[in-house]
Amino acid sequence: DIPNAYITSTKQKRYLPGARVQYECESNFQMMGGNYVTCTDGEWSRGPICRDVTCGPPPEIAGGKVRGVKKSRYLPGESAHYQCWRGFEMTGASSIACQNGTWTELPKCK
């Protein structure tokens, strides 16, 4: 079994040498490597990896904070917005976005 993936080809009880089994990743996971495994000499080839592309909570920044309520997980494309404390000035964009499991560049408050 491949974590966070499911078989898309027809399941069989036994597989002949050379047989391929295709996989797809569950939602919010991205496939790395080929999308199938092959049966060779009674062994399966190395399967794909399904990588989590969601982001954890946005990081804290010195001299500022995340506006609103922080969620525990953010989907790709979702954003978080920052504001600086009184007397601090922001450099960079006030919003960051979740892209492929990481946040875009954080603003700075100086």
C-alpha atoms as a PDB file:
ATOM      1  CA  ASP A   1       0.000   0.000   0.000  1.00  0.00           C
ATOM      2  CA  ILE A   2       1.121   3.522  -0.783  1.00  0.00           C
ATOM      3  CA  PRO A   3       0.244   6.096   1.915  1.00  0.00           C
ATOM      4  CA  ASN A   4      -2.327   8.736   0.843  1.00  0.00           C
ATOM      5  CA  ALA A   5      -2.926   6.999  -2.503  1.00  0.00           C
ATOM      6  CA  TYR A   6      -5.478   4.631  -4.000  1.00  0.00           C
ATOM      7  CA  ILE A   7      -5.369   2.125  -6.862  1.00  0.00           C
ATOM      8  CA  THR A   8      -7.070   3.281 -10.072  1.00  0.00           C
ATOM      9  CA  SER A   9      -6.479   0.130 -12.137  1.00  0.00           C
ATOM     10  CA  THR A  10      -8.584  -3.026 -11.747  1.00  0.00           C
ATOM     11  CA  LYS A  11      -7.604  -4.957  -8.610  1.00  0.00           C
ATOM     12  CA  GLN A  12      -6.705  -8.624  -9.004  1.00  0.00           C
ATOM     13  CA  LYS A  13      -6.027 -11.473  -6.569  1.00  0.00           C
ATOM     14  CA  ARG A  14      -2.751 -12.399  -8.336  1.00  0.00           C
ATOM     15  CA  TYR A  15      -0.582 -10.412 -10.718  1.00  0.00           C
ATOM     16  CA  LEU A  16       1.592 -11.832 -13.487  1.00  0.00           C
ATOM     17  CA  PRO A  17       5.197 -10.668 -14.018  1.00  0.00           C
ATOM     18  CA  GLY A  18       5.186  -7.356 -15.891  1.00  0.00           C
ATOM     19  CA  ALA A  19       1.772  -6.363 -14.519  1.00  0.00           C
ATOM     20  CA  ARG A  20       1.302  -2.686 -13.671  1.00  0.00           C
ATOM     21  CA  VAL A  21      -0.894  -1.213 -10.962  1.00  0.00           C
ATOM     22  CA  GLN A  22      -1.761   2.485 -11.296  1.00  0.00           C
ATOM     23  CA  TYR A  23      -2.272   4.885  -8.405  1.00  0.00           C
ATOM     24  CA  GLU A  24      -3.692   8.353  -7.789  1.00  0.00           C
ATOM     25  CA  CYS A  25      -3.083  10.532  -4.761  1.00  0.00           C
ATOM     26  CA  GLU A  26      -5.873  11.539  -2.424  1.00  0.00           C
ATOM     27  CA  SER A  27      -7.018  15.160  -2.558  1.00  0.00           C
ATOM     28  CA  ASN A  28      -4.495  17.708  -1.229  1.00  0.00           C
ATOM     29  CA  PHE A  29      -1.615  15.343  -2.008  1.00  0.00           C
ATOM     30  CA  GLN A  30       0.712  15.626  -5.007  1.00  0.00           C
ATOM     31  CA  MET A  31       2.300  12.641  -6.739  1.00  0.00           C
ATOM     32  CA  MET A  32       6.066  12.455  -7.045  1.00  0.00           C
ATOM     33  CA  GLY A  33       7.559   9.829  -9.332  1.00  0.00           C
ATOM     34  CA  GLY A  34       5.639   7.613 -11.741  1.00  0.00           C
ATOM     35  CA  ASN A  35       1.994   6.796 -11.064  1.00  0.00           C
ATOM     36  CA  TYR A  36       2.391   3.004 -11.154  1.00  0.00           C
ATOM     37  CA  VAL A  37       4.261   0.004  -9.743  1.00  0.00           C
ATOM     38  CA  THR A  38       5.400  -3.004 -11.802  1.00  0.00           C
ATOM     39  CA  CYS A  39       5.591  -6.655 -10.766  1.00  0.00           C
ATOM     40  CA  THR A  40       9.057  -8.087 -11.530  1.00  0.00           C
ATOM     41  CA  ASP A  41      10.331 -11.458 -10.218  1.00  0.00           C
ATOM     42  CA  GLY A  42       7.619 -11.556  -7.546  1.00  0.00           C
ATOM     43  CA  GLU A  43       8.469  -8.074  -6.221  1.00  0.00           C
ATOM     44  CA  TRP A  44       6.820  -4.708  -6.768  1.00  0.00           C
ATOM     45  CA  SER A  45       8.880  -1.780  -8.003  1.00  0.00           C
ATOM     46  CA  ARG A  46       9.179   1.312  -5.845  1.00  0.00           C
ATOM     47  CA  GLY A  47       5.892   3.180  -5.853  1.00  0.00           C
ATOM     48  CA  PRO A  48       5.125   6.871  -6.112  1.00  0.00           C
ATOM     49  CA  ILE A  49       5.121   9.170  -3.101  1.00  0.00           C
ATOM     50  CA  CYS A  50       2.054  11.285  -2.366  1.00  0.00           C
ATOM     51  CA  ARG A  51       3.273  14.483  -0.705  1.00  0.00           C
ATOM     52  CA  ASP A  52       1.015  16.633   1.468  1.00  0.00           C
ATOM     53  CA  VAL A  53       0.550  20.003  -0.246  1.00  0.00           C
ATOM     54  CA  THR A  54      -1.415  21.643   2.569  1.00  0.00           C
ATOM     55  CA  CYS A  55       0.307  24.093   4.938  1.00  0.00           C
ATOM     56  CA  GLY A  56       0.338  24.251   8.711  1.00  0.00           C
ATOM     57  CA  PRO A  57      -0.530  27.478  10.548  1.00  0.00           C
ATOM     58  CA  PRO A  58       1.232  30.584   9.212  1.00  0.00           C
ATOM     59  CA  PRO A  59       4.418  31.403  11.136  1.00  0.00           C
ATOM     60  CA  GLU A  60       4.655  34.211  13.675  1.00  0.00           C
ATOM     61  CA  ILE A  61       6.675  37.287  12.697  1.00  0.00           C
ATOM     62  CA  ALA A  62       8.628  39.698  14.903  1.00  0.00           C
ATOM     63  CA  GLY A  63       6.811  43.002  15.411  1.00  0.00           C
ATOM     64  CA  GLY A  64       3.509  41.766  14.021  1.00  0.00           C
ATOM     65  CA  LYS A  65       0.826  39.093  13.961  1.00  0.00           C
ATOM     66  CA  VAL A  66      -1.516  37.111  11.747  1.00  0.00           C
ATOM     67  CA  ARG A  67      -4.883  38.870  11.362  1.00  0.00           C
ATOM     68  CA  GLY A  68      -7.960  36.838  12.270  1.00  0.00           C
ATOM     69  CA  VAL A  69      -8.215  33.247  13.453  1.00  0.00           C
ATOM     70  CA  LYS A  70      -5.412  30.856  12.501  1.00  0.00           C
ATOM     71  CA  LYS A  71      -6.456  27.470  11.153  1.00  0.00           C
ATOM     72  CA  SER A  72      -4.509  24.251  11.745  1.00  0.00           C
ATOM     73  CA  ARG A  73      -4.342  23.404   7.983  1.00  0.00           C
ATOM     74  CA  TYR A  74      -4.509  25.568   4.855  1.00  0.00           C
ATOM     75  CA  LEU A  75      -5.274  24.268   1.364  1.00  0.00           C
ATOM     76  CA  PRO A  76      -3.084  25.166  -1.628  1.00  0.00           C
ATOM     77  CA  GLY A  77      -3.993  28.693  -2.769  1.00  0.00           C
ATOM     78  CA  GLU A  78      -5.368  29.792   0.603  1.00  0.00           C
ATOM     79  CA  SER A  79      -3.773  32.836   2.189  1.00  0.00           C
ATOM     80  CA  ALA A  80      -3.079  34.438   5.555  1.00  0.00           C
ATOM     81  CA  HIS A  81      -2.807  38.170   6.239  1.00  0.00           C
ATOM     82  CA  TYR A  82      -0.407  39.963   8.584  1.00  0.00           C
ATOM     83  CA  GLN A  83      -0.414  43.309  10.344  1.00  0.00           C
ATOM     84  CA  CYS A  84       2.398  45.060  12.195  1.00  0.00           C
ATOM     85  CA  TRP A  85       2.209  46.286  15.761  1.00  0.00           C
ATOM     86  CA  ARG A  86       1.759  50.028  16.297  1.00  0.00           C
ATOM     87  CA  GLY A  87       5.035  51.840  15.559  1.00  0.00           C
ATOM     88  CA  PHE A  88       6.283  49.099  13.186  1.00  0.00           C
ATOM     89  CA  GLU A  89       6.300  49.373   9.401  1.00  0.00           C
ATOM     90  CA  MET A  90       5.752  46.448   7.039  1.00  0.00           C
ATOM     91  CA  THR A  91       8.083  45.559   4.182  1.00  0.00           C
ATOM     92  CA  GLY A  92       6.928  42.966   1.679  1.00  0.00           C
ATOM     93  CA  ALA A  93       3.397  41.815   0.913  1.00  0.00           C
ATOM     94  CA  SER A  94       0.965  41.692   3.847  1.00  0.00           C
ATOM     95  CA  SER A  95      -0.448  38.367   2.577  1.00  0.00           C
ATOM     96  CA  ILE A  96       1.217  34.988   2.167  1.00  0.00           C
ATOM     97  CA  ALA A  97      -0.160  32.002   0.241  1.00  0.00           C
ATOM     98  CA  CYS A  98       0.084  28.244   0.684  1.00  0.00           C
ATOM     99  CA  GLN A  99       1.876  26.765  -2.348  1.00  0.00           C
ATOM    100  CA  ASN A 100       2.884  23.084  -2.606  1.00  0.00           C
ATOM    101  CA  GLY A 101       2.991  22.653   1.166  1.00  0.00           C
ATOM    102  CA  THR A 102       5.018  25.781   1.972  1.00  0.00           C
ATOM    103  CA  TRP A 103       4.193  29.425   2.585  1.00  0.00           C
ATOM    104  CA  THR A 104       5.306  32.193   0.228  1.00  0.00           C
ATOM    105  CA  GLU A 105       7.736  34.827   1.542  1.00  0.00           C
ATOM    106  CA  LEU A 106       6.829  36.375   4.895  1.00  0.00           C
ATOM    107  CA  PRO A 107       6.540  40.134   5.380  1.00  0.00           C
ATOM    108  CA  LYS A 108       8.795  41.901   7.890  1.00  0.00           C
ATOM    109  CA  CYS A 109       7.773  44.449  10.521  1.00  0.00           C
ATOM    110  CA  LYS A 110      10.521  46.922  11.496  1.00  0.00           C
END
